[in-house]
Amino acid sequence: MSKFKIVWLLFLLIISFPSHAQQLAEVKGRITNTSNEPIPGATILLSSTKKGAKADRNGFFKISGISFGNHQVTISAVGYQT
């Protein structure tokens, strides 16, 4: 194989890695009660993955690096029904 073909093959392989990594999504939001007050420390889990997050003091959370598709979200907090 010529050096040109090897270089071209390596180039194609290198540019394919970033495009694959961009096919991940994130879920973010804010957890509040019925009075629209934040629920700090609420736990958010994606049942189809092993990923989760904890809400900050303002109720905001973010879960990154998940695949596109349908996921079941489970939210729990002390004093609230899951």
PDB file of N, CA and C in Angstrom:
ATOM      1  N   MET A   1       0.840  -1.165   0.000  1.00  0.00           N
ATOM      2  CA  MET A   1       0.000   0.000   0.000  1.00  0.00           C
ATOM      3  C   MET A   1       0.898   1.245   0.000  1.00  0.00           C
ATOM      4  N   SER A   2       0.513   2.202  -0.792  1.00  0.00           N
ATOM      5  CA  SER A   2       1.334   3.404  -0.880  1.00  0.00           C
ATOM      6  C   SER A   2       1.180   4.247   0.376  1.00  0.00           C
ATOM      7  N   LYS A   3       2.156   5.122   0.593  1.00  0.00           N
ATOM      8  CA  LYS A   3       2.125   6.000   1.775  1.00  0.00           C
ATOM      9  C   LYS A   3       0.925   6.936   1.719  1.00  0.00           C
ATOM     10  N   PHE A   4       0.553   7.357   0.520  1.00  0.00           N
ATOM     11  CA  PHE A   4      -0.599   8.242   0.370  1.00  0.00           C
ATOM     12  C   PHE A   4      -1.873   7.560   0.865  1.00  0.00           C
ATOM     13  N   LYS A   5      -2.063   6.295   0.510  1.00  0.00           N
ATOM     14  CA  LYS A   5      -3.252   5.561   0.944  1.00  0.00           C
ATOM     15  C   LYS A   5      -3.271   5.378   2.458  1.00  0.00           C
ATOM     16  N   ILE A   6      -2.117   5.125   3.053  1.00  0.00           N
ATOM     17  CA  ILE A   6      -2.040   4.956   4.505  1.00  0.00           C
ATOM     18  C   ILE A   6      -2.384   6.265   5.208  1.00  0.00           C
ATOM     19  N   VAL A   7      -1.820   7.364   4.720  1.00  0.00           N
ATOM     20  CA  VAL A   7      -2.112   8.668   5.310  1.00  0.00           C
ATOM     21  C   VAL A   7      -3.593   8.999   5.164  1.00  0.00           C
ATOM     22  N   TRP A   8      -4.155   8.725   4.006  1.00  0.00           N
ATOM     23  CA  TRP A   8      -5.571   9.002   3.768  1.00  0.00           C
ATOM     24  C   TRP A   8      -6.451   8.158   4.695  1.00  0.00           C
ATOM     25  N   LEU A   9      -6.118   6.909   4.886  1.00  0.00           N
ATOM     26  CA  LEU A   9      -6.861   6.025   5.778  1.00  0.00           C
ATOM     27  C   LEU A   9      -6.795   6.531   7.225  1.00  0.00           C
ATOM     28  N   LEU A  10      -5.612   6.917   7.670  1.00  0.00           N
ATOM     29  CA  LEU A  10      -5.456   7.460   9.023  1.00  0.00           C
ATOM     30  C   LEU A  10      -6.267   8.742   9.193  1.00  0.00           C
ATOM     31  N   PHE A  11      -6.261   9.579   8.187  1.00  0.00           N
ATOM     32  CA  PHE A  11      -7.027  10.824   8.239  1.00  0.00           C
ATOM     33  C   PHE A  11      -8.522  10.536   8.391  1.00  0.00           C
ATOM     34  N   LEU A  12      -9.040   9.600   7.621  1.00  0.00           N
ATOM     35  CA  LEU A  12     -10.456   9.248   7.711  1.00  0.00           C
ATOM     36  C   LEU A  12     -10.811   8.659   9.077  1.00  0.00           C
ATOM     37  N   LEU A  13      -9.926   7.847   9.625  1.00  0.00           N
ATOM     38  CA  LEU A  13     -10.175   7.282  10.943  1.00  0.00           C
ATOM     39  C   LEU A  13     -10.179   8.366  12.022  1.00  0.00           C
ATOM     40  N   ILE A  14      -9.286   9.313  11.928  1.00  0.00           N
ATOM     41  CA  ILE A  14      -9.190  10.376  12.929  1.00  0.00           C
ATOM     42  C   ILE A  14     -10.422  11.265  12.909  1.00  0.00           C
ATOM     43  N   ILE A  15     -10.924  11.618  11.728  1.00  0.00           N
ATOM     44  CA  ILE A  15     -12.091  12.499  11.689  1.00  0.00           C
ATOM     45  C   ILE A  15     -13.376  11.762  12.038  1.00  0.00           C
ATOM     46  N   SER A  16     -13.385  10.429  12.024  1.00  0.00           N
ATOM     47  CA  SER A  16     -14.595   9.696  12.380  1.00  0.00           C
ATOM     48  C   SER A  16     -14.805   9.640  13.896  1.00  0.00           C
ATOM     49  N   PHE A  17     -13.757   9.749  14.700  1.00  0.00           N
ATOM     50  CA  PHE A  17     -13.901   9.689  16.155  1.00  0.00           C
ATOM     51  C   PHE A  17     -14.706  10.856  16.718  1.00  0.00           C
ATOM     52  N   PRO A  18     -14.420  12.107  16.373  1.00  0.00           N
ATOM     53  CA  PRO A  18     -15.230  13.207  16.920  1.00  0.00           C
ATOM     54  C   PRO A  18     -16.686  13.146  16.494  1.00  0.00           C
ATOM     55  N   SER A  19     -16.966  12.696  15.292  1.00  0.00           N
ATOM     56  CA  SER A  19     -18.362  12.635  14.853  1.00  0.00           C
ATOM     57  C   SER A  19     -19.128  11.585  15.638  1.00  0.00           C
ATOM     58  N   HIS A  20     -18.466  10.514  16.048  1.00  0.00           N
ATOM     59  CA  HIS A  20     -19.126   9.498  16.860  1.00  0.00           C
ATOM     60  C   HIS A  20     -19.375  10.020  18.270  1.00  0.00           C
ATOM     61  N   ALA A  21     -18.450  10.745  18.822  1.00  0.00           N
ATOM     62  CA  ALA A  21     -18.589  11.261  20.180  1.00  0.00           C
ATOM     63  C   ALA A  21     -19.698  12.302  20.281  1.00  0.00           C
ATOM     64  N   GLN A  22     -20.055  12.952  19.196  1.00  0.00           N
ATOM     65  CA  GLN A  22     -21.088  13.971  19.223  1.00  0.00           C
ATOM     66  C   GLN A  22     -22.492  13.372  19.222  1.00  0.00           C
ATOM     67  N   GLN A  23     -22.606  12.071  19.158  1.00  0.00           N
ATOM     68  CA  GLN A  23     -23.913  11.439  19.108  1.00  0.00           C
ATOM     69  C   GLN A  23     -24.425  11.092  20.501  1.00  0.00           C
ATOM     70  N   LEU A  24     -23.994  11.833  21.501  1.00  0.00           N
ATOM     71  CA  LEU A  24     -24.465  11.651  22.856  1.00  0.00           C
ATOM     72  C   LEU A  24     -25.314  12.846  23.257  1.00  0.00           C
ATOM     73  N   ALA A  25     -26.253  12.604  24.121  1.00  0.00           N
ATOM     74  CA  ALA A  25     -27.184  13.652  24.529  1.00  0.00           C
ATOM     75  C   ALA A  25     -27.025  13.952  26.013  1.00  0.00           C
ATOM     76  N   GLU A  26     -27.791  14.933  26.465  1.00  0.00           N
ATOM     77  CA  GLU A  26     -27.835  15.235  27.883  1.00  0.00           C
ATOM     78  C   GLU A  26     -29.277  15.543  28.278  1.00  0.00           C
ATOM     79  N   VAL A  27     -29.563  15.267  29.517  1.00  0.00           N
ATOM     80  CA  VAL A  27     -30.869  15.584  30.082  1.00  0.00           C
ATOM     81  C   VAL A  27     -30.609  16.584  31.193  1.00  0.00           C
ATOM     82  N   LYS A  28     -31.316  17.700  31.152  1.00  0.00           N
ATOM     83  CA  LYS A  28     -31.149  18.680  32.211  1.00  0.00           C
ATOM     84  C   LYS A  28     -32.488  19.311  32.520  1.00  0.00           C
ATOM     85  N   GLY A  29     -32.607  19.837  33.724  1.00  0.00           N
ATOM     86  CA  GLY A  29     -33.866  20.438  34.108  1.00  0.00           C
ATOM     87  C   GLY A  29     -33.823  20.931  35.533  1.00  0.00           C
ATOM     88  N   ARG A  30     -35.005  21.169  36.067  1.00  0.00           N
ATOM     89  CA  ARG A  30     -35.132  21.686  37.425  1.00  0.00           C
ATOM     90  C   ARG A  30     -36.247  20.918  38.121  1.00  0.00           C
ATOM     91  N   ILE A  31     -35.987  20.477  39.324  1.00  0.00           N
ATOM     92  CA  ILE A  31     -36.954  19.736  40.118  1.00  0.00           C
ATOM     93  C   ILE A  31     -37.609  20.715  41.093  1.00  0.00           C
ATOM     94  N   THR A  32     -38.939  20.805  41.021  1.00  0.00           N
ATOM     95  CA  THR A  32     -39.684  21.694  41.916  1.00  0.00           C
ATOM     96  C   THR A  32     -40.886  20.954  42.495  1.00  0.00           C
ATOM     97  N   ASN A  33     -41.438  21.508  43.569  1.00  0.00           N
ATOM     98  CA  ASN A  33     -42.656  20.948  44.145  1.00  0.00           C
ATOM     99  C   ASN A  33     -43.873  21.627  43.521  1.00  0.00           C
ATOM    100  N   THR A  34     -45.048  21.330  44.036  1.00  0.00           N
ATOM    101  CA  THR A  34     -46.270  21.888  43.446  1.00  0.00           C
ATOM    102  C   THR A  34     -46.374  23.397  43.633  1.00  0.00           C
ATOM    103  N   SER A  35     -45.589  23.947  44.565  1.00  0.00           N
ATOM    104  CA  SER A  35     -45.562  25.404  44.780  1.00  0.00           C
ATOM    105  C   SER A  35     -44.457  26.074  43.966  1.00  0.00           C
ATOM    106  N   ASN A  36     -43.837  25.307  43.056  1.00  0.00           N
ATOM    107  CA  ASN A  36     -42.744  25.783  42.203  1.00  0.00           C
ATOM    108  C   ASN A  36     -41.491  26.172  42.997  1.00  0.00           C
ATOM    109  N   GLU A  37     -41.321  25.569  44.172  1.00  0.00           N
ATOM    110  CA  GLU A  37     -40.112  25.777  44.972  1.00  0.00           C
ATOM    111  C   GLU A  37     -39.126  24.663  44.648  1.00  0.00           C
ATOM    112  N   PRO A  38     -37.830  24.962  44.565  1.00  0.00           N
ATOM    113  CA  PRO A  38     -36.846  23.928  44.232  1.00  0.00           C
ATOM    114  C   PRO A  38     -36.762  22.855  45.315  1.00  0.00           C
ATOM    115  N   ILE A  39     -36.420  21.649  44.877  1.00  0.00           N
ATOM    116  CA  ILE A  39     -36.208  20.542  45.807  1.00  0.00           C
ATOM    117  C   ILE A  39     -34.715  20.205  45.768  1.00  0.00           C
ATOM    118  N   PRO A  40     -33.918  20.826  46.624  1.00  0.00           N
ATOM    119  CA  PRO A  40     -32.479  20.561  46.624  1.00  0.00           C
ATOM    120  C   PRO A  40     -32.186  19.132  47.089  1.00  0.00           C
ATOM    121  N   GLY A  41     -31.206  18.510  46.476  1.00  0.00           N
ATOM    122  CA  GLY A  41     -30.794  17.167  46.861  1.00  0.00           C
ATOM    123  C   GLY A  41     -31.635  16.051  46.278  1.00  0.00           C
ATOM    124  N   ALA A  42     -32.606  16.364  45.438  1.00  0.00           N
ATOM    125  CA  ALA A  42     -33.404  15.316  44.796  1.00  0.00           C
ATOM    126  C   ALA A  42     -32.493  14.465  43.918  1.00  0.00           C
ATOM    127  N   THR A  43     -32.761  13.173  43.876  1.00  0.00           N
ATOM    128  CA  THR A  43     -31.964  12.240  43.076  1.00  0.00           C
ATOM    129  C   THR A  43     -32.704  11.936  41.781  1.00  0.00           C
ATOM    130  N   ILE A  44     -31.989  12.064  40.668  1.00  0.00           N
ATOM    131  CA  ILE A  44     -32.558  11.805  39.346  1.00  0.00           C
ATOM    132  C   ILE A  44     -31.783  10.646  38.733  1.00  0.00           C
ATOM    133  N   LEU A  45     -32.479   9.579  38.352  1.00  0.00           N
ATOM    134  CA  LEU A  45     -31.840   8.404  37.760  1.00  0.00           C
ATOM    135  C   LEU A  45     -32.478   8.070  36.425  1.00  0.00           C
ATOM    136  N   LEU A  46     -31.646   7.639  35.481  1.00  0.00           N
ATOM    137  CA  LEU A  46     -32.141   7.111  34.203  1.00  0.00           C
ATOM    138  C   LEU A  46     -32.141   5.596  34.331  1.00  0.00           C
ATOM    139  N   SER A  47     -33.328   5.001  34.364  1.00  0.00           N
ATOM    140  CA  SER A  47     -33.464   3.569  34.636  1.00  0.00           C
ATOM    141  C   SER A  47     -32.761   2.689  33.606  1.00  0.00           C
ATOM    142  N   SER A  48     -32.715   3.117  32.364  1.00  0.00           N
ATOM    143  CA  SER A  48     -32.107   2.299  31.309  1.00  0.00           C
ATOM    144  C   SER A  48     -30.581   2.395  31.293  1.00  0.00           C
ATOM    145  N   THR A  49     -30.023   3.253  32.115  1.00  0.00           N
ATOM    146  CA  THR A  49     -28.566   3.398  32.219  1.00  0.00           C
ATOM    147  C   THR A  49     -28.177   3.345  33.684  1.00  0.00           C
ATOM    148  N   LYS A  50     -26.919   3.502  33.956  1.00  0.00           N
ATOM    149  CA  LYS A  50     -26.441   3.588  35.337  1.00  0.00           C
ATOM    150  C   LYS A  50     -26.072   5.023  35.666  1.00  0.00           C
ATOM    151  N   LYS A  51     -26.668   5.962  34.957  1.00  0.00           N
ATOM    152  CA  LYS A  51     -26.330   7.369  35.137  1.00  0.00           C
ATOM    153  C   LYS A  51     -27.396   8.072  35.958  1.00  0.00           C
ATOM    154  N   GLY A  52     -26.952   9.062  36.688  1.00  0.00           N
ATOM    155  CA  GLY A  52     -27.870   9.832  37.500  1.00  0.00           C
ATOM    156  C   GLY A  52     -27.221  11.134  37.935  1.00  0.00           C
ATOM    157  N   ALA A  53     -27.985  11.917  38.678  1.00  0.00           N
ATOM    158  CA  ALA A  53     -27.500  13.205  39.160  1.00  0.00           C
ATOM    159  C   ALA A  53     -28.255  13.567  40.429  1.00  0.00           C
ATOM    160  N   LYS A  54     -27.736  14.561  41.095  1.00  0.00           N
ATOM    161  CA  LYS A  54     -28.364  15.095  42.285  1.00  0.00           C
ATOM    162  C   LYS A  54     -28.655  16.562  42.030  1.00  0.00           C
ATOM    163  N   ALA A  55     -29.852  17.011  42.371  1.00  0.00           N
ATOM    164  CA  ALA A  55     -30.238  18.408  42.152  1.00  0.00           C
ATOM    165  C   ALA A  55     -29.434  19.321  43.084  1.00  0.00           C
ATOM    166  N   ASP A  56     -29.038  20.477  42.561  1.00  0.00           N
ATOM    167  CA  ASP A  56     -28.313  21.439  43.392  1.00  0.00           C
ATOM    168  C   ASP A  56     -29.281  22.189  44.300  1.00  0.00           C
ATOM    169  N   ARG A  57     -28.804  23.184  45.005  1.00  0.00           N
ATOM    170  CA  ARG A  57     -29.648  23.887  45.983  1.00  0.00           C
ATOM    171  C   ARG A  57     -30.795  24.651  45.326  1.00  0.00           C
ATOM    172  N   ASN A  58     -30.698  24.892  44.028  1.00  0.00           N
ATOM    173  CA  ASN A  58     -31.775  25.558  43.292  1.00  0.00           C
ATOM    174  C   ASN A  58     -32.651  24.577  42.515  1.00  0.00           C
ATOM    175  N   GLY A  59     -32.392  23.269  42.682  1.00  0.00           N
ATOM    176  CA  GLY A  59     -33.187  22.234  42.028  1.00  0.00           C
ATOM    177  C   GLY A  59     -32.727  21.851  40.640  1.00  0.00           C
ATOM    178  N   PHE A  60     -31.642  22.446  40.149  1.00  0.00           N
ATOM    179  CA  PHE A  60     -31.163  22.154  38.790  1.00  0.00           C
ATOM    180  C   PHE A  60     -30.293  20.902  38.777  1.00  0.00           C
ATOM    181  N   PHE A  61     -30.365  20.155  37.669  1.00  0.00           N
ATOM    182  CA  PHE A  61     -29.530  18.963  37.480  1.00  0.00           C
ATOM    183  C   PHE A  61     -29.166  18.833  36.010  1.00  0.00           C
ATOM    184  N   LYS A  62     -28.133  18.015  35.739  1.00  0.00           N
ATOM    185  CA  LYS A  62     -27.732  17.715  34.365  1.00  0.00           C
ATOM    186  C   LYS A  62     -27.089  16.343  34.340  1.00  0.00           C
ATOM    187  N   ILE A  63     -27.533  15.508  33.393  1.00  0.00           N
ATOM    188  CA  ILE A  63     -26.939  14.191  33.166  1.00  0.00           C
ATOM    189  C   ILE A  63     -26.424  14.186  31.738  1.00  0.00           C
ATOM    190  N   SER A  64     -25.122  14.026  31.564  1.00  0.00           N
ATOM    191  CA  SER A  64     -24.496  14.081  30.238  1.00  0.00           C
ATOM    192  C   SER A  64     -24.026  12.705  29.799  1.00  0.00           C
ATOM    193  N   GLY A  65     -23.748  12.597  28.504  1.00  0.00           N
ATOM    194  CA  GLY A  65     -23.141  11.393  27.949  1.00  0.00           C
ATOM    195  C   GLY A  65     -24.093  10.221  27.822  1.00  0.00           C
ATOM    196  N   ILE A  66     -25.352  10.490  27.527  1.00  0.00           N
ATOM    197  CA  ILE A  66     -26.305   9.402  27.350  1.00  0.00           C
ATOM    198  C   ILE A  66     -26.655   9.263  25.873  1.00  0.00           C
ATOM    199  N   SER A  67     -27.063   8.085  25.503  1.00  0.00           N
ATOM    200  CA  SER A  67     -27.417   7.849  24.101  1.00  0.00           C
ATOM    201  C   SER A  67     -28.802   8.415  23.822  1.00  0.00           C
ATOM    202  N   PHE A  68     -29.038   8.780  22.566  1.00  0.00           N
ATOM    203  CA  PHE A  68     -30.355   9.256  22.163  1.00  0.00           C
ATOM    204  C   PHE A  68     -31.346   8.112  22.276  1.00  0.00           C
ATOM    205  N   GLY A  69     -32.580   8.434  22.558  1.00  0.00           N
ATOM    206  CA  GLY A  69     -33.614   7.418  22.658  1.00  0.00           C
ATOM    207  C   GLY A  69     -34.547   7.715  23.810  1.00  0.00           C
ATOM    208  N   ASN A  70     -35.394   6.758  24.109  1.00  0.00           N
ATOM    209  CA  ASN A  70     -36.342   6.897  25.205  1.00  0.00           C
ATOM    210  C   ASN A  70     -35.728   6.350  26.482  1.00  0.00           C
ATOM    211  N   HIS A  71     -35.820   7.109  27.547  1.00  0.00           N
ATOM    212  CA  HIS A  71     -35.303   6.696  28.848  1.00  0.00           C
ATOM    213  C   HIS A  71     -36.359   6.975  29.906  1.00  0.00           C
ATOM    214  N   GLN A  72     -36.448   6.089  30.877  1.00  0.00           N
ATOM    215  CA  GLN A  72     -37.360   6.321  31.989  1.00  0.00           C
ATOM    216  C   GLN A  72     -36.599   7.070  33.072  1.00  0.00           C
ATOM    217  N   VAL A  73     -37.165   8.186  33.516  1.00  0.00           N
ATOM    218  CA  VAL A  73     -36.540   9.019  34.531  1.00  0.00           C
ATOM    219  C   VAL A  73     -37.238   8.763  35.863  1.00  0.00           C
ATOM    220  N   THR A  74     -36.437   8.485  36.901  1.00  0.00           N
ATOM    221  CA  THR A  74     -36.969   8.298  38.245  1.00  0.00           C
ATOM    222  C   THR A  74     -36.422   9.399  39.132  1.00  0.00           C
ATOM    223  N   ILE A  75     -37.323  10.109  39.807  1.00  0.00           N
ATOM    224  CA  ILE A  75     -36.929  11.212  40.681  1.00  0.00           C
ATOM    225  C   ILE A  75     -37.386  10.874  42.091  1.00  0.00           C
ATOM    226  N   SER A  76     -36.472  11.005  43.053  1.00  0.00           N
ATOM    227  CA  SER A  76     -36.835  10.756  44.435  1.00  0.00           C
ATOM    228  C   SER A  76     -36.196  11.796  45.338  1.00  0.00           C
ATOM    229  N   ALA A  77     -36.894  12.082  46.430  1.00  0.00           N
ATOM    230  CA  ALA A  77     -36.403  13.028  47.423  1.00  0.00           C
ATOM    231  C   ALA A  77     -37.070  12.718  48.756  1.00  0.00           C
ATOM    232  N   VAL A  78     -36.353  12.984  49.820  1.00  0.00           N
ATOM    233  CA  VAL A  78     -36.884  12.743  51.158  1.00  0.00           C
ATOM    234  C   VAL A  78     -38.120  13.624  51.363  1.00  0.00           C
ATOM    235  N   GLY A  79     -39.205  13.014  51.822  1.00  0.00           N
ATOM    236  CA  GLY A  79     -40.435  13.744  52.070  1.00  0.00           C
ATOM    237  C   GLY A  79     -41.360  13.814  50.878  1.00  0.00           C
ATOM    238  N   TYR A  80     -40.961  13.237  49.743  1.00  0.00           N
ATOM    239  CA  TYR A  80     -41.780  13.261  48.522  1.00  0.00           C
ATOM    240  C   TYR A  80     -41.952  11.849  47.999  1.00  0.00           C
ATOM    241  N   GLN A  81     -43.065  11.607  47.333  1.00  0.00           N
ATOM    242  CA  GLN A  81     -43.294  10.314  46.704  1.00  0.00           C
ATOM    243  C   GLN A  81     -42.450  10.213  45.445  1.00  0.00           C
ATOM    244  N   THR A  82     -41.863   9.029  45.198  1.00  0.00           N
ATOM    245  CA  THR A  82     -41.036   8.833  44.000  1.00  0.00           C
ATOM    246  C   THR A  82     -41.860   8.967  42.753  1.00  0.00           C
TER     247      THR A  82
END
